[in-house]
Amino acid sequence: MKMKYEIPIIYKSCKTYTIEADNLQDAITESLKMFLSEPDENYLDDSFEIDDVIEDYMENFDIEKSINEL
């Protein structure tokens, strides 16, 4: 008799959000709100990250501040 296996496969996906905001901090907070409001039953809690390309804006931001504002 064959056995049944559940094999989790983790993958990354990248989606870009175009946000109008006064500063990078506000833009990140708003993009996180949008991202987290999209239903995805396979999403792993707290597995998101902001891509390094954000450094191109030459502004500081605090990801924890954005998360706490949600």
N, C-alpha and C. Protein backbone atom coordinates (compact mmCIF):
# COMPACT_ATOMS: atom_id res chain seq x y z
N MET A 1 0.84 -1.18 0.00
CA MET A 1 0.00 0.00 0.00
C MET A 1 0.89 1.25 0.00
N LYS A 2 0.56 2.18 -0.84
CA LYS A 2 1.33 3.43 -0.91
C LYS A 2 0.94 4.34 0.24
N MET A 3 1.94 5.08 0.73
CA MET A 3 1.70 6.03 1.81
C MET A 3 1.43 7.41 1.22
N LYS A 4 0.73 8.21 1.98
CA LYS A 4 0.43 9.58 1.57
C LYS A 4 1.44 10.51 2.25
N TYR A 5 2.06 11.38 1.48
CA TYR A 5 3.05 12.32 2.01
C TYR A 5 2.59 13.75 1.75
N GLU A 6 2.81 14.61 2.72
CA GLU A 6 2.55 16.04 2.56
C GLU A 6 3.90 16.73 2.55
N ILE A 7 4.27 17.24 1.41
CA ILE A 7 5.58 17.86 1.22
C ILE A 7 5.41 19.37 1.06
N PRO A 8 5.83 20.15 2.05
CA PRO A 8 5.71 21.61 1.92
C PRO A 8 6.80 22.15 0.99
N ILE A 9 6.40 23.00 0.08
CA ILE A 9 7.34 23.66 -0.81
C ILE A 9 7.24 25.16 -0.57
N ILE A 10 8.35 25.76 -0.23
CA ILE A 10 8.39 27.19 0.07
C ILE A 10 8.96 27.91 -1.14
N TYR A 11 8.31 28.97 -1.52
CA TYR A 11 8.81 29.74 -2.64
C TYR A 11 8.62 31.22 -2.37
N LYS A 12 9.37 32.04 -3.07
CA LYS A 12 9.22 33.49 -2.96
C LYS A 12 8.51 34.01 -4.19
N SER A 13 7.77 35.04 -3.97
CA SER A 13 7.12 35.74 -5.05
C SER A 13 7.31 37.23 -4.78
N CYS A 14 7.45 38.00 -5.80
CA CYS A 14 7.66 39.43 -5.62
C CYS A 14 6.54 40.20 -6.30
N LYS A 15 5.96 41.12 -5.58
CA LYS A 15 4.91 41.97 -6.14
C LYS A 15 5.27 43.41 -5.79
N THR A 16 5.16 44.30 -6.74
CA THR A 16 5.49 45.70 -6.52
C THR A 16 4.21 46.50 -6.33
N TYR A 17 4.20 47.33 -5.31
CA TYR A 17 3.07 48.20 -5.03
C TYR A 17 3.48 49.64 -5.34
N THR A 18 2.69 50.34 -6.11
CA THR A 18 2.95 51.75 -6.39
C THR A 18 2.15 52.57 -5.39
N ILE A 19 2.87 53.31 -4.56
CA ILE A 19 2.26 54.05 -3.45
C ILE A 19 2.60 55.53 -3.57
N GLU A 20 1.62 56.39 -3.39
CA GLU A 20 1.87 57.82 -3.26
C GLU A 20 1.87 58.13 -1.77
N ALA A 21 2.97 58.72 -1.29
CA ALA A 21 3.09 59.02 0.14
C ALA A 21 4.04 60.20 0.33
N ASP A 22 4.01 60.76 1.53
CA ASP A 22 4.88 61.89 1.85
C ASP A 22 6.32 61.47 2.08
N ASN A 23 6.52 60.20 2.48
CA ASN A 23 7.88 59.72 2.75
C ASN A 23 7.92 58.20 2.64
N LEU A 24 9.13 57.65 2.67
CA LEU A 24 9.31 56.22 2.51
C LEU A 24 8.64 55.43 3.63
N GLN A 25 8.72 55.94 4.87
CA GLN A 25 8.10 55.25 6.01
C GLN A 25 6.61 55.05 5.77
N ASP A 26 5.92 56.12 5.36
CA ASP A 26 4.48 56.02 5.09
C ASP A 26 4.19 55.10 3.91
N ALA A 27 5.05 55.14 2.89
CA ALA A 27 4.86 54.28 1.72
C ALA A 27 5.00 52.81 2.10
N ILE A 28 5.96 52.49 2.94
CA ILE A 28 6.13 51.10 3.38
C ILE A 28 4.95 50.65 4.20
N THR A 29 4.48 51.49 5.12
CA THR A 29 3.32 51.13 5.94
C THR A 29 2.12 50.85 5.06
N GLU A 30 1.87 51.72 4.08
CA GLU A 30 0.72 51.53 3.21
C GLU A 30 0.86 50.28 2.35
N SER A 31 2.06 50.01 1.84
CA SER A 31 2.24 48.81 1.02
C SER A 31 2.07 47.54 1.85
N LEU A 32 2.50 47.57 3.11
CA LEU A 32 2.27 46.40 3.98
C LEU A 32 0.80 46.19 4.24
N LYS A 33 0.04 47.27 4.42
CA LYS A 33 -1.41 47.14 4.61
C LYS A 33 -2.04 46.47 3.39
N MET A 34 -1.62 46.90 2.21
CA MET A 34 -2.17 46.34 0.98
C MET A 34 -1.78 44.86 0.86
N PHE A 35 -0.52 44.57 1.09
CA PHE A 35 -0.03 43.20 0.98
C PHE A 35 -0.75 42.27 1.93
N LEU A 36 -0.88 42.67 3.19
CA LEU A 36 -1.48 41.80 4.20
C LEU A 36 -2.99 41.68 4.06
N SER A 37 -3.61 42.58 3.30
CA SER A 37 -5.06 42.50 3.10
C SER A 37 -5.44 41.55 1.97
N GLU A 38 -4.46 41.12 1.19
CA GLU A 38 -4.74 40.21 0.07
C GLU A 38 -4.80 38.78 0.59
N PRO A 39 -5.92 38.12 0.38
CA PRO A 39 -6.05 36.75 0.90
C PRO A 39 -5.12 35.77 0.18
N ASP A 40 -4.46 34.94 0.96
CA ASP A 40 -3.61 33.87 0.42
C ASP A 40 -3.51 32.80 1.50
N GLU A 41 -4.24 31.72 1.33
CA GLU A 41 -4.27 30.69 2.37
C GLU A 41 -2.93 29.99 2.55
N ASN A 42 -2.01 30.20 1.63
CA ASN A 42 -0.69 29.57 1.75
C ASN A 42 0.37 30.49 2.35
N TYR A 43 -0.02 31.72 2.65
CA TYR A 43 0.94 32.68 3.20
C TYR A 43 1.42 32.22 4.58
N LEU A 44 2.72 32.23 4.79
CA LEU A 44 3.30 31.91 6.09
C LEU A 44 3.40 33.19 6.90
N ASP A 45 2.77 33.22 8.06
CA ASP A 45 2.76 34.42 8.90
C ASP A 45 4.17 34.97 9.09
N ASP A 46 4.27 36.29 8.97
CA ASP A 46 5.52 37.02 9.19
C ASP A 46 6.66 36.57 8.28
N SER A 47 6.34 36.06 7.11
CA SER A 47 7.39 35.61 6.21
C SER A 47 7.73 36.65 5.14
N PHE A 48 7.10 37.82 5.19
CA PHE A 48 7.40 38.84 4.19
C PHE A 48 8.70 39.56 4.53
N GLU A 49 9.28 40.17 3.52
CA GLU A 49 10.43 41.04 3.73
C GLU A 49 10.41 42.12 2.66
N ILE A 50 11.00 43.26 2.97
CA ILE A 50 11.11 44.35 2.01
C ILE A 50 12.38 44.14 1.21
N ASP A 51 12.28 44.18 -0.10
CA ASP A 51 13.43 43.92 -0.96
C ASP A 51 14.50 45.00 -0.78
N ASP A 52 15.75 44.60 -0.96
CA ASP A 52 16.88 45.52 -0.80
C ASP A 52 16.85 46.70 -1.77
N VAL A 53 16.12 46.58 -2.86
CA VAL A 53 16.07 47.66 -3.84
C VAL A 53 15.52 48.95 -3.21
N ILE A 54 14.85 48.83 -2.08
CA ILE A 54 14.30 50.00 -1.39
C ILE A 54 15.40 50.97 -0.98
N GLU A 55 16.63 50.48 -0.87
CA GLU A 55 17.77 51.34 -0.51
C GLU A 55 18.02 52.41 -1.56
N ASP A 56 17.52 52.23 -2.76
CA ASP A 56 17.69 53.22 -3.82
C ASP A 56 17.06 54.57 -3.47
N TYR A 57 16.11 54.58 -2.53
CA TYR A 57 15.45 55.82 -2.16
C TYR A 57 16.27 56.69 -1.23
N MET A 58 17.33 56.14 -0.66
CA MET A 58 18.24 56.91 0.20
C MET A 58 17.50 57.58 1.37
N GLU A 59 16.46 56.92 1.87
CA GLU A 59 15.73 57.38 3.05
C GLU A 59 15.76 56.28 4.09
N ASN A 60 15.75 56.68 5.34
CA ASN A 60 15.67 55.69 6.41
C ASN A 60 14.22 55.31 6.67
N PHE A 61 14.04 54.09 7.14
CA PHE A 61 12.71 53.67 7.56
C PHE A 61 12.87 52.62 8.66
N ASP A 62 11.81 52.44 9.42
CA ASP A 62 11.80 51.48 10.52
C ASP A 62 10.68 50.48 10.25
N ILE A 63 11.04 49.29 9.81
CA ILE A 63 10.02 48.28 9.46
C ILE A 63 9.16 47.93 10.66
N GLU A 64 9.75 47.89 11.85
CA GLU A 64 8.97 47.58 13.06
C GLU A 64 7.90 48.64 13.31
N LYS A 65 8.23 49.90 13.05
CA LYS A 65 7.24 50.98 13.21
C LYS A 65 6.07 50.76 12.26
N SER A 66 6.37 50.41 11.02
CA SER A 66 5.30 50.15 10.06
C SER A 66 4.43 48.98 10.48
N ILE A 67 5.05 47.92 10.95
CA ILE A 67 4.31 46.74 11.40
C ILE A 67 3.42 47.09 12.58
N ASN A 68 3.95 47.86 13.51
CA ASN A 68 3.15 48.24 14.70
C ASN A 68 1.98 49.15 14.34
N GLU A 69 2.07 49.87 13.25
CA GLU A 69 0.99 50.75 12.83
C GLU A 69 -0.15 49.99 12.14
N LEU A 70 0.07 48.71 11.87
CA LEU A 70 -0.98 47.93 11.23
C LEU A 70 -2.00 47.58 12.28
